[in-house]
Amino acid sequence: MSFLRSLLAGLRSLFRKERVSEDLDEELNGFLEMAAGEKMKEGMSRKDALRAVRLERGSLEVTKEVVRSASWESLVETCWQDLRYGARMLRKNPGSTAAVVIALAWALA
């Protein structure tokens, strides 16, 4: 995948989280159905095949989190959340904020 395509896909996932989440659900459920189909060819019932695949592959929610955390978008989103938290804390304590700003200005001058 080219850099530009990767960048565009990452920006899409940052701004369209619901749609990306739906796509991931659809893809994982398709994989689950495909793996269950293979088990059903071996003679298992549908219910048993789905259960066996879920036991082999683990939780779908854990898989989703692993997929989401593997991309650069999760780093950007985490940094954005940290910045928002920091801004909230600075607004919550204006006296401390003023002291820190004055101290930094003094140190940098």
PDB file of N, CA and C in Angstrom:
ATOM      1  N   MET A   1       0.850  -1.172   0.000  1.00  0.00           N
ATOM      2  CA  MET A   1       0.000   0.000   0.000  1.00  0.00           C
ATOM      3  C   MET A   1       0.895   1.234   0.000  1.00  0.00           C
ATOM      4  N   SER A   2       0.578   2.170  -0.832  1.00  0.00           N
ATOM      5  CA  SER A   2       1.391   3.369  -0.923  1.00  0.00           C
ATOM      6  C   SER A   2       1.207   4.234   0.318  1.00  0.00           C
ATOM      7  N   PHE A   3       2.148   5.125   0.512  1.00  0.00           N
ATOM      8  CA  PHE A   3       2.106   6.010   1.678  1.00  0.00           C
ATOM      9  C   PHE A   3       0.855   6.882   1.658  1.00  0.00           C
ATOM     10  N   LEU A   4       0.526   7.426   0.500  1.00  0.00           N
ATOM     11  CA  LEU A   4      -0.637   8.305   0.388  1.00  0.00           C
ATOM     12  C   LEU A   4      -1.930   7.548   0.685  1.00  0.00           C
ATOM     13  N   ARG A   5      -2.039   6.348   0.174  1.00  0.00           N
ATOM     14  CA  ARG A   5      -3.233   5.535   0.431  1.00  0.00           C
ATOM     15  C   ARG A   5      -3.333   5.193   1.912  1.00  0.00           C
ATOM     16  N   SER A   6      -2.204   4.877   2.522  1.00  0.00           N
ATOM     17  CA  SER A   6      -2.190   4.584   3.963  1.00  0.00           C
ATOM     18  C   SER A   6      -2.589   5.817   4.774  1.00  0.00           C
ATOM     19  N   LEU A   7      -2.090   6.974   4.368  1.00  0.00           N
ATOM     20  CA  LEU A   7      -2.434   8.215   5.052  1.00  0.00           C
ATOM     21  C   LEU A   7      -3.921   8.525   4.923  1.00  0.00           C
ATOM     22  N   LEU A   8      -4.459   8.374   3.733  1.00  0.00           N
ATOM     23  CA  LEU A   8      -5.882   8.638   3.521  1.00  0.00           C
ATOM     24  C   LEU A   8      -6.755   7.662   4.308  1.00  0.00           C
ATOM     25  N   ALA A   9      -6.366   6.407   4.342  1.00  0.00           N
ATOM     26  CA  ALA A   9      -7.124   5.422   5.112  1.00  0.00           C
ATOM     27  C   ALA A   9      -7.063   5.744   6.608  1.00  0.00           C
ATOM     28  N   GLY A  10      -5.910   6.201   7.069  1.00  0.00           N
ATOM     29  CA  GLY A  10      -5.777   6.571   8.470  1.00  0.00           C
ATOM     30  C   GLY A  10      -6.622   7.771   8.832  1.00  0.00           C
ATOM     31  N   LEU A  11      -6.643   8.777   7.966  1.00  0.00           N
ATOM     32  CA  LEU A  11      -7.481   9.955   8.212  1.00  0.00           C
ATOM     33  C   LEU A  11      -8.958   9.577   8.192  1.00  0.00           C
ATOM     34  N   ARG A  12      -9.318   8.680   7.304  1.00  0.00           N
ATOM     35  CA  ARG A  12     -10.702   8.206   7.261  1.00  0.00           C
ATOM     36  C   ARG A  12     -11.073   7.537   8.574  1.00  0.00           C
ATOM     37  N   SER A  13     -10.177   6.730   9.107  1.00  0.00           N
ATOM     38  CA  SER A  13     -10.492   6.031  10.351  1.00  0.00           C
ATOM     39  C   SER A  13     -10.545   6.985  11.549  1.00  0.00           C
ATOM     40  N   LEU A  14      -9.807   8.095  11.468  1.00  0.00           N
ATOM     41  CA  LEU A  14      -9.856   9.073  12.557  1.00  0.00           C
ATOM     42  C   LEU A  14     -11.174   9.844  12.577  1.00  0.00           C
ATOM     43  N   PHE A  15     -11.701  10.153  11.393  1.00  0.00           N
ATOM     44  CA  PHE A  15     -12.870  11.018  11.317  1.00  0.00           C
ATOM     45  C   PHE A  15     -14.182  10.276  11.085  1.00  0.00           C
ATOM     46  N   ARG A  16     -14.113   9.021  10.750  1.00  0.00           N
ATOM     47  CA  ARG A  16     -15.324   8.225  10.536  1.00  0.00           C
ATOM     48  C   ARG A  16     -15.248   6.943  11.353  1.00  0.00           C
ATOM     49  N   LYS A  17     -15.154   7.105  12.648  1.00  0.00           N
ATOM     50  CA  LYS A  17     -14.950   5.957  13.531  1.00  0.00           C
ATOM     51  C   LYS A  17     -16.089   4.941  13.449  1.00  0.00           C
ATOM     52  N   GLU A  18     -17.327   5.443  13.371  1.00  0.00           N
ATOM     53  CA  GLU A  18     -18.470   4.525  13.342  1.00  0.00           C
ATOM     54  C   GLU A  18     -18.424   3.634  12.113  1.00  0.00           C
ATOM     55  N   ARG A  19     -18.149   4.241  10.958  1.00  0.00           N
ATOM     56  CA  ARG A  19     -18.119   3.481   9.718  1.00  0.00           C
ATOM     57  C   ARG A  19     -16.958   2.482   9.707  1.00  0.00           C
ATOM     58  N   VAL A  20     -15.811   2.917  10.196  1.00  0.00           N
ATOM     59  CA  VAL A  20     -14.650   2.021  10.250  1.00  0.00           C
ATOM     60  C   VAL A  20     -14.921   0.866  11.202  1.00  0.00           C
ATOM     61  N   SER A  21     -15.587   1.159  12.321  1.00  0.00           N
ATOM     62  CA  SER A  21     -15.940   0.112  13.272  1.00  0.00           C
ATOM     63  C   SER A  21     -16.911  -0.888  12.649  1.00  0.00           C
ATOM     64  N   GLU A  22     -17.883  -0.379  11.888  1.00  0.00           N
ATOM     65  CA  GLU A  22     -18.820  -1.267  11.201  1.00  0.00           C
ATOM     66  C   GLU A  22     -18.091  -2.137  10.173  1.00  0.00           C
ATOM     67  N   ASP A  23     -17.149  -1.544   9.443  1.00  0.00           N
ATOM     68  CA  ASP A  23     -16.370  -2.301   8.458  1.00  0.00           C
ATOM     69  C   ASP A  23     -15.568  -3.406   9.130  1.00  0.00           C
ATOM     70  N   LEU A  24     -14.966  -3.081  10.268  1.00  0.00           N
ATOM     71  CA  LEU A  24     -14.180  -4.073  10.995  1.00  0.00           C
ATOM     72  C   LEU A  24     -15.074  -5.197  11.514  1.00  0.00           C
ATOM     73  N   ASP A  25     -16.248  -4.830  12.051  1.00  0.00           N
ATOM     74  CA  ASP A  25     -17.201  -5.850  12.506  1.00  0.00           C
ATOM     75  C   ASP A  25     -17.599  -6.773  11.364  1.00  0.00           C
ATOM     76  N   GLU A  26     -17.890  -6.158  10.218  1.00  0.00           N
ATOM     77  CA  GLU A  26     -18.304  -6.933   9.048  1.00  0.00           C
ATOM     78  C   GLU A  26     -17.194  -7.881   8.597  1.00  0.00           C
ATOM     79  N   GLU A  27     -15.970  -7.381   8.579  1.00  0.00           N
ATOM     80  CA  GLU A  27     -14.844  -8.208   8.143  1.00  0.00           C
ATOM     81  C   GLU A  27     -14.589  -9.365   9.113  1.00  0.00           C
ATOM     82  N   LEU A  28     -14.624  -9.072  10.410  1.00  0.00           N
ATOM     83  CA  LEU A  28     -14.386 -10.130  11.390  1.00  0.00           C
ATOM     84  C   LEU A  28     -15.515 -11.158  11.402  1.00  0.00           C
ATOM     85  N   ASN A  29     -16.753 -10.699  11.241  1.00  0.00           N
ATOM     86  CA  ASN A  29     -17.873 -11.643  11.182  1.00  0.00           C
ATOM     87  C   ASN A  29     -17.799 -12.492   9.923  1.00  0.00           C
ATOM     88  N   GLY A  30     -17.362 -11.902   8.821  1.00  0.00           N
ATOM     89  CA  GLY A  30     -17.167 -12.674   7.602  1.00  0.00           C
ATOM     90  C   GLY A  30     -16.103 -13.746   7.784  1.00  0.00           C
ATOM     91  N   PHE A  31     -15.028 -13.376   8.464  1.00  0.00           N
ATOM     92  CA  PHE A  31     -13.974 -14.350   8.740  1.00  0.00           C
ATOM     93  C   PHE A  31     -14.497 -15.468   9.639  1.00  0.00           C
ATOM     94  N   LEU A  32     -15.290 -15.090  10.647  1.00  0.00           N
ATOM     95  CA  LEU A  32     -15.875 -16.069  11.563  1.00  0.00           C
ATOM     96  C   LEU A  32     -16.769 -17.041  10.792  1.00  0.00           C
ATOM     97  N   GLU A  33     -17.602 -16.505   9.902  1.00  0.00           N
ATOM     98  CA  GLU A  33     -18.487 -17.350   9.099  1.00  0.00           C
ATOM     99  C   GLU A  33     -17.690 -18.278   8.179  1.00  0.00           C
ATOM    100  N   MET A  34     -16.615 -17.742   7.583  1.00  0.00           N
ATOM    101  CA  MET A  34     -15.799 -18.550   6.686  1.00  0.00           C
ATOM    102  C   MET A  34     -15.134 -19.698   7.453  1.00  0.00           C
ATOM    103  N   ALA A  35     -14.589 -19.388   8.620  1.00  0.00           N
ATOM    104  CA  ALA A  35     -13.939 -20.428   9.422  1.00  0.00           C
ATOM    105  C   ALA A  35     -14.973 -21.445   9.915  1.00  0.00           C
ATOM    106  N   ALA A  36     -16.159 -20.971  10.272  1.00  0.00           N
ATOM    107  CA  ALA A  36     -17.215 -21.894  10.697  1.00  0.00           C
ATOM    108  C   ALA A  36     -17.651 -22.777   9.534  1.00  0.00           C
ATOM    109  N   GLY A  37     -17.684 -22.210   8.333  1.00  0.00           N
ATOM    110  CA  GLY A  37     -18.028 -22.999   7.148  1.00  0.00           C
ATOM    111  C   GLY A  37     -17.048 -24.145   6.926  1.00  0.00           C
ATOM    112  N   GLU A  38     -15.768 -23.872   7.160  1.00  0.00           N
ATOM    113  CA  GLU A  38     -14.756 -24.929   7.043  1.00  0.00           C
ATOM    114  C   GLU A  38     -15.006 -26.040   8.062  1.00  0.00           C
ATOM    115  N   LYS A  39     -15.379 -25.648   9.282  1.00  0.00           N
ATOM    116  CA  LYS A  39     -15.657 -26.646  10.323  1.00  0.00           C
ATOM    117  C   LYS A  39     -16.928 -27.434   9.990  1.00  0.00           C
ATOM    118  N   MET A  40     -17.912 -26.741   9.390  1.00  0.00           N
ATOM    119  CA  MET A  40     -19.155 -27.430   9.038  1.00  0.00           C
ATOM    120  C   MET A  40     -18.909 -28.449   7.927  1.00  0.00           C
ATOM    121  N   LYS A  41     -17.930 -28.176   7.050  1.00  0.00           N
ATOM    122  CA  LYS A  41     -17.572 -29.147   6.011  1.00  0.00           C
ATOM    123  C   LYS A  41     -16.980 -30.406   6.625  1.00  0.00           C
ATOM    124  N   GLU A  42     -16.386 -30.241   7.823  1.00  0.00           N
ATOM    125  CA  GLU A  42     -15.805 -31.393   8.521  1.00  0.00           C
ATOM    126  C   GLU A  42     -16.867 -32.191   9.279  1.00  0.00           C
ATOM    127  N   GLY A  43     -18.118 -31.703   9.252  1.00  0.00           N
ATOM    128  CA  GLY A  43     -19.196 -32.459   9.869  1.00  0.00           C
ATOM    129  C   GLY A  43     -19.771 -31.856  11.146  1.00  0.00           C
ATOM    130  N   MET A  44     -19.333 -30.709  11.544  1.00  0.00           N
ATOM    131  CA  MET A  44     -19.866 -30.075  12.751  1.00  0.00           C
ATOM    132  C   MET A  44     -21.174 -29.366  12.435  1.00  0.00           C
ATOM    133  N   SER A  45     -21.992 -29.222  13.457  1.00  0.00           N
ATOM    134  CA  SER A  45     -23.197 -28.410  13.288  1.00  0.00           C
ATOM    135  C   SER A  45     -22.791 -26.935  13.277  1.00  0.00           C
ATOM    136  N   ARG A  46     -23.678 -26.075  12.783  1.00  0.00           N
ATOM    137  CA  ARG A  46     -23.368 -24.647  12.700  1.00  0.00           C
ATOM    138  C   ARG A  46     -23.060 -24.068  14.072  1.00  0.00           C
ATOM    139  N   LYS A  47     -23.873 -24.416  15.058  1.00  0.00           N
ATOM    140  CA  LYS A  47     -23.695 -23.903  16.416  1.00  0.00           C
ATOM    141  C   LYS A  47     -22.344 -24.345  16.989  1.00  0.00           C
ATOM    142  N   ASP A  48     -22.017 -25.615  16.821  1.00  0.00           N
ATOM    143  CA  ASP A  48     -20.742 -26.127  17.331  1.00  0.00           C
ATOM    144  C   ASP A  48     -19.553 -25.541  16.577  1.00  0.00           C
ATOM    145  N   ALA A  49     -19.725 -25.341  15.271  1.00  0.00           N
ATOM    146  CA  ALA A  49     -18.637 -24.775  14.466  1.00  0.00           C
ATOM    147  C   ALA A  49     -18.341 -23.336  14.887  1.00  0.00           C
ATOM    148  N   LEU A  50     -19.391 -22.533  15.077  1.00  0.00           N
ATOM    149  CA  LEU A  50     -19.192 -21.153  15.534  1.00  0.00           C
ATOM    150  C   LEU A  50     -18.529 -21.116  16.903  1.00  0.00           C
ATOM    151  N   ARG A  51     -18.962 -21.994  17.789  1.00  0.00           N
ATOM    152  CA  ARG A  51     -18.375 -22.049  19.134  1.00  0.00           C
ATOM    153  C   ARG A  51     -16.897 -22.444  19.070  1.00  0.00           C
ATOM    154  N   ALA A  52     -16.588 -23.429  18.234  1.00  0.00           N
ATOM    155  CA  ALA A  52     -15.197 -23.887  18.109  1.00  0.00           C
ATOM    156  C   ALA A  52     -14.305 -22.777  17.562  1.00  0.00           C
ATOM    157  N   VAL A  53     -14.808 -22.053  16.571  1.00  0.00           N
ATOM    158  CA  VAL A  53     -14.017 -20.965  15.989  1.00  0.00           C
ATOM    159  C   VAL A  53     -13.801 -19.869  17.028  1.00  0.00           C
ATOM    160  N   ARG A  54     -14.834 -19.531  17.779  1.00  0.00           N
ATOM    161  CA  ARG A  54     -14.690 -18.499  18.813  1.00  0.00           C
ATOM    162  C   ARG A  54     -13.693 -18.924  19.887  1.00  0.00           C
ATOM    163  N   LEU A  55     -13.708 -20.205  20.242  1.00  0.00           N
ATOM    164  CA  LEU A  55     -12.744 -20.691  21.233  1.00  0.00           C
ATOM    165  C   LEU A  55     -11.319 -20.676  20.693  1.00  0.00           C
ATOM    166  N   GLU A  56     -11.158 -21.028  19.415  1.00  0.00           N
ATOM    167  CA  GLU A  56      -9.828 -21.043  18.805  1.00  0.00           C
ATOM    168  C   GLU A  56      -9.267 -19.631  18.633  1.00  0.00           C
ATOM    169  N   ARG A  57     -10.095 -18.727  18.157  1.00  0.00           N
ATOM    170  CA  ARG A  57      -9.633 -17.379  17.805  1.00  0.00           C
ATOM    171  C   ARG A  57      -9.677 -16.400  18.966  1.00  0.00           C
ATOM    172  N   GLY A  58     -10.455 -16.688  19.978  1.00  0.00           N
ATOM    173  CA  GLY A  58     -10.562 -15.770  21.106  1.00  0.00           C
ATOM    174  C   GLY A  58     -11.680 -14.764  20.899  1.00  0.00           C
ATOM    175  N   SER A  59     -11.761 -13.821  21.781  1.00  0.00           N
ATOM    176  CA  SER A  59     -12.822 -12.832  21.777  1.00  0.00           C
ATOM    177  C   SER A  59     -12.709 -11.892  20.577  1.00  0.00           C
ATOM    178  N   LEU A  60     -13.841 -11.580  19.975  1.00  0.00           N
ATOM    179  CA  LEU A  60     -13.846 -10.636  18.860  1.00  0.00           C
ATOM    180  C   LEU A  60     -13.483  -9.235  19.325  1.00  0.00           C
ATOM    181  N   GLU A  61     -13.890  -8.873  20.540  1.00  0.00           N
ATOM    182  CA  GLU A  61     -13.579  -7.539  21.064  1.00  0.00           C
ATOM    183  C   GLU A  61     -12.076  -7.363  21.260  1.00  0.00           C
ATOM    184  N   VAL A  62     -11.408  -8.403  21.736  1.00  0.00           N
ATOM    185  CA  VAL A  62      -9.954  -8.333  21.903  1.00  0.00           C
ATOM    186  C   VAL A  62      -9.286  -8.211  20.542  1.00  0.00           C
ATOM    187  N   THR A  63      -9.777  -8.956  19.574  1.00  0.00           N
ATOM    188  CA  THR A  63      -9.226  -8.879  18.224  1.00  0.00           C
ATOM    189  C   THR A  63      -9.396  -7.482  17.650  1.00  0.00           C
ATOM    190  N   LYS A  64     -10.561  -6.882  17.874  1.00  0.00           N
ATOM    191  CA  LYS A  64     -10.801  -5.516  17.393  1.00  0.00           C
ATOM    192  C   LYS A  64      -9.810  -4.540  18.018  1.00  0.00           C
ATOM    193  N   GLU A  65      -9.572  -4.666  19.307  1.00  0.00           N
ATOM    194  CA  GLU A  65      -8.636  -3.766  19.983  1.00  0.00           C
ATOM    195  C   GLU A  65      -7.214  -3.957  19.466  1.00  0.00           C
ATOM    196  N   VAL A  66      -6.831  -5.189  19.187  1.00  0.00           N
ATOM    197  CA  VAL A  66      -5.492  -5.451  18.643  1.00  0.00           C
ATOM    198  C   VAL A  66      -5.350  -4.809  17.265  1.00  0.00           C
ATOM    199  N   VAL A  67      -6.379  -4.944  16.433  1.00  0.00           N
ATOM    200  CA  VAL A  67      -6.341  -4.350  15.097  1.00  0.00           C
ATOM    201  C   VAL A  67      -6.262  -2.832  15.191  1.00  0.00           C
ATOM    202  N   ARG A  68      -7.075  -2.253  16.071  1.00  0.00           N
ATOM    203  CA  ARG A  68      -7.082  -0.789  16.207  1.00  0.00           C
ATOM    204  C   ARG A  68      -5.754  -0.264  16.740  1.00  0.00           C
ATOM    205  N   SER A  69      -5.155  -0.986  17.669  1.00  0.00           N
ATOM    206  CA  SER A  69      -3.917  -0.487  18.280  1.00  0.00           C
ATOM    207  C   SER A  69      -2.698  -0.670  17.380  1.00  0.00           C
ATOM    208  N   ALA A  70      -2.828  -1.435  16.322  1.00  0.00           N
ATOM    209  CA  ALA A  70      -1.689  -1.699  15.446  1.00  0.00           C
ATOM    210  C   ALA A  70      -1.419  -0.578  14.457  1.00  0.00           C
ATOM    211  N   SER A  71      -2.303   0.398  14.364  1.00  0.00           N
ATOM    212  CA  SER A  71      -2.139   1.443  13.362  1.00  0.00           C
ATOM    213  C   SER A  71      -1.677   2.750  13.993  1.00  0.00           C
ATOM    214  N   TRP A  72      -1.155   3.648  13.158  1.00  0.00           N
ATOM    215  CA  TRP A  72      -0.655   4.930  13.646  1.00  0.00           C
ATOM    216  C   TRP A  72      -1.791   5.821  14.123  1.00  0.00           C
ATOM    217  N   GLU A  73      -2.998   5.552  13.679  1.00  0.00           N
ATOM    218  CA  GLU A  73      -4.128   6.378  14.073  1.00  0.00           C
ATOM    219  C   GLU A  73      -4.375   6.305  15.577  1.00  0.00           C
ATOM    220  N   SER A  74      -4.108   5.147  16.168  1.00  0.00           N
ATOM    221  CA  SER A  74      -4.324   5.018  17.615  1.00  0.00           C
ATOM    222  C   SER A  74      -3.357   5.917  18.385  1.00  0.00           C
ATOM    223  N   LEU A  75      -2.136   6.089  17.879  1.00  0.00           N
ATOM    224  CA  LEU A  75      -1.181   6.986  18.521  1.00  0.00           C
ATOM    225  C   LEU A  75      -1.664   8.433  18.442  1.00  0.00           C
ATOM    226  N   VAL A  76      -2.159   8.843  17.278  1.00  0.00           N
ATOM    227  CA  VAL A  76      -2.672  10.204  17.104  1.00  0.00           C
ATOM    228  C   VAL A  76      -3.869  10.428  18.021  1.00  0.00           C
ATOM    229  N   GLU A  77      -4.768   9.459  18.067  1.00  0.00           N
ATOM    230  CA  GLU A  77      -5.957   9.595  18.908  1.00  0.00           C
ATOM    231  C   GLU A  77      -5.588   9.662  20.386  1.00  0.00           C
ATOM    232  N   THR A  78      -4.624   8.864  20.822  1.00  0.00           N
ATOM    233  CA  THR A  78      -4.187   8.893  22.215  1.00  0.00           C
ATOM    234  C   THR A  78      -3.553  10.235  22.563  1.00  0.00           C
ATOM    235  N   CYS A  79      -2.721  10.756  21.676  1.00  0.00           N
ATOM    236  CA  CYS A  79      -2.109  12.072  21.916  1.00  0.00           C
ATOM    237  C   CYS A  79      -3.175  13.162  21.997  1.00  0.00           C
ATOM    238  N   TRP A  80      -4.174  13.106  21.124  1.00  0.00           N
ATOM    239  CA  TRP A  80      -5.256  14.084  21.146  1.00  0.00           C
ATOM    240  C   TRP A  80      -6.031  14.005  22.468  1.00  0.00           C
ATOM    241  N   GLN A  81      -6.301  12.802  22.927  1.00  0.00           N
ATOM    242  CA  GLN A  81      -6.993  12.636  24.207  1.00  0.00           C
ATOM    243  C   GLN A  81      -6.148  13.182  25.358  1.00  0.00           C
ATOM    244  N   ASP A  82      -4.846  12.951  25.323  1.00  0.00           N
ATOM    245  CA  ASP A  82      -3.967  13.467  26.375  1.00  0.00           C
ATOM    246  C   ASP A  82      -3.937  14.993  26.385  1.00  0.00           C
ATOM    247  N   LEU A  83      -3.897  15.598  25.198  1.00  0.00           N
ATOM    248  CA  LEU A  83      -3.909  17.059  25.117  1.00  0.00           C
ATOM    249  C   LEU A  83      -5.213  17.638  25.657  1.00  0.00           C
ATOM    250  N   ARG A  84      -6.326  17.010  25.320  1.00  0.00           N
ATOM    251  CA  ARG A  84      -7.616  17.486  25.827  1.00  0.00           C
ATOM    252  C   ARG A  84      -7.688  17.350  27.346  1.00  0.00           C
ATOM    253  N   TYR A  85      -7.184  16.247  27.882  1.00  0.00           N
ATOM    254  CA  TYR A  85      -7.166  16.057  29.325  1.00  0.00           C
ATOM    255  C   TYR A  85      -6.290  17.118  29.993  1.00  0.00           C
ATOM    256  N   GLY A  86      -5.129  17.365  29.431  1.00  0.00           N
ATOM    257  CA  GLY A  86      -4.236  18.382  29.985  1.00  0.00           C
ATOM    258  C   GLY A  86      -4.879  19.760  29.979  1.00  0.00           C
ATOM    259  N   ALA A  87      -5.560  20.115  28.892  1.00  0.00           N
ATOM    260  CA  ALA A  87      -6.241  21.413  28.817  1.00  0.00           C
ATOM    261  C   ALA A  87      -7.351  21.515  29.868  1.00  0.00           C
ATOM    262  N   ARG A  88      -8.076  20.425  30.067  1.00  0.00           N
ATOM    263  CA  ARG A  88      -9.123  20.434  31.102  1.00  0.00           C
ATOM    264  C   ARG A  88      -8.534  20.646  32.481  1.00  0.00           C
ATOM    265  N   MET A  89      -7.414  19.994  32.757  1.00  0.00           N
ATOM    266  CA  MET A  89      -6.786  20.138  34.074  1.00  0.00           C
ATOM    267  C   MET A  89      -6.238  21.552  34.271  1.00  0.00           C
ATOM    268  N   LEU A  90      -5.706  22.151  33.203  1.00  0.00           N
ATOM    269  CA  LEU A  90      -5.211  23.524  33.301  1.00  0.00           C
ATOM    270  C   LEU A  90      -6.354  24.504  33.546  1.00  0.00           C
ATOM    271  N   ARG A  91      -7.490  24.277  32.901  1.00  0.00           N
ATOM    272  CA  ARG A  91      -8.656  25.143  33.139  1.00  0.00           C
ATOM    273  C   ARG A  91      -9.215  24.953  34.540  1.00  0.00           C
ATOM    274  N   LYS A  92      -9.092  23.756  35.057  1.00  0.00           N
ATOM    275  CA  LYS A  92      -9.643  23.446  36.383  1.00  0.00           C
ATOM    276  C   LYS A  92      -8.837  24.129  37.491  1.00  0.00           C
ATOM    277  N   ASN A  93      -7.542  24.319  37.290  1.00  0.00           N
ATOM    278  CA  ASN A  93      -6.661  24.911  38.294  1.00  0.00           C
ATOM    279  C   ASN A  93      -5.969  26.153  37.720  1.00  0.00           C
ATOM    280  N   PRO A  94      -6.671  27.278  37.633  1.00  0.00           N
ATOM    281  CA  PRO A  94      -6.070  28.454  37.002  1.00  0.00           C
ATOM    282  C   PRO A  94      -4.881  29.020  37.792  1.00  0.00           C
ATOM    283  N   GLY A  95      -4.884  28.908  39.115  1.00  0.00           N
ATOM    284  CA  GLY A  95      -3.754  29.400  39.910  1.00  0.00           C
ATOM    285  C   GLY A  95      -2.481  28.629  39.609  1.00  0.00           C
ATOM    286  N   SER A  96      -2.597  27.322  39.566  1.00  0.00           N
ATOM    287  CA  SER A  96      -1.440  26.487  39.246  1.00  0.00           C
ATOM    288  C   SER A  96      -0.977  26.740  37.821  1.00  0.00           C
ATOM    289  N   THR A  97      -1.927  26.923  36.923  1.00  0.00           N
ATOM    290  CA  THR A  97      -1.591  27.197  35.533  1.00  0.00           C
ATOM    291  C   THR A  97      -0.789  28.487  35.420  1.00  0.00           C
ATOM    292  N   ALA A  98      -1.239  29.515  36.108  1.00  0.00           N
ATOM    293  CA  ALA A  98      -0.529  30.798  36.069  1.00  0.00           C
ATOM    294  C   ALA A  98       0.885  30.647  36.624  1.00  0.00           C
ATOM    295  N   ALA A  99       1.027  29.908  37.718  1.00  0.00           N
ATOM    296  CA  ALA A  99       2.344  29.706  38.322  1.00  0.00           C
ATOM    297  C   ALA A  99       3.284  28.970  37.367  1.00  0.00           C
ATOM    298  N   VAL A 100       2.768  27.951  36.710  1.00  0.00           N
ATOM    299  CA  VAL A 100       3.592  27.181  35.775  1.00  0.00           C
ATOM    300  C   VAL A 100       3.976  28.033  34.571  1.00  0.00           C
ATOM    301  N   VAL A 101       3.040  28.796  34.039  1.00  0.00           N
ATOM    302  CA  VAL A 101       3.337  29.651  32.882  1.00  0.00           C
ATOM    303  C   VAL A 101       4.392  30.685  33.245  1.00  0.00           C
ATOM    304  N   ILE A 102       4.258  31.301  34.421  1.00  0.00           N
ATOM    305  CA  ILE A 102       5.244  32.300  34.862  1.00  0.00           C
ATOM    306  C   ILE A 102       6.612  31.643  35.054  1.00  0.00           C
ATOM    307  N   ALA A 103       6.650  30.471  35.671  1.00  0.00           N
ATOM    308  CA  ALA A 103       7.904  29.766  35.890  1.00  0.00           C
ATOM    309  C   ALA A 103       8.575  29.403  34.561  1.00  0.00           C
ATOM    310  N   LEU A 104       7.792  28.933  33.602  1.00  0.00           N
ATOM    311  CA  LEU A 104       8.364  28.588  32.293  1.00  0.00           C
ATOM    312  C   LEU A 104       8.852  29.836  31.561  1.00  0.00           C
ATOM    313  N   ALA A 105       8.078  30.903  31.641  1.00  0.00           N
ATOM    314  CA  ALA A 105       8.502  32.149  30.991  1.00  0.00           C
ATOM    315  C   ALA A 105       9.805  32.671  31.619  1.00  0.00           C
ATOM    316  N   TRP A 106       9.917  32.575  32.925  1.00  0.00           N
ATOM    317  CA  TRP A 106      11.118  32.993  33.628  1.00  0.00           C
ATOM    318  C   TRP A 106      12.307  32.136  33.207  1.00  0.00           C
ATOM    319  N   ALA A 107      12.080  30.820  33.090  1.00  0.00           N
ATOM    320  CA  ALA A 107      13.180  29.898  32.748  1.00  0.00           C
ATOM    321  C   ALA A 107      13.621  30.094  31.295  1.00  0.00           C
ATOM    322  N   LEU A 108      12.700  30.425  30.416  1.00  0.00           N
ATOM    323  CA  LEU A 108      13.046  30.559  29.002  1.00  0.00           C
ATOM    324  C   LEU A 108      13.586  31.940  28.657  1.00  0.00           C
ATOM    325  N   ALA A 109      13.414  32.902  29.546  1.00  0.00           N
ATOM    326  CA  ALA A 109      13.852  34.266  29.256  1.00  0.00           C
ATOM    327  C   ALA A 109      15.330  34.443  29.404  1.00  0.00           C
TER     328      ALA A 109
END
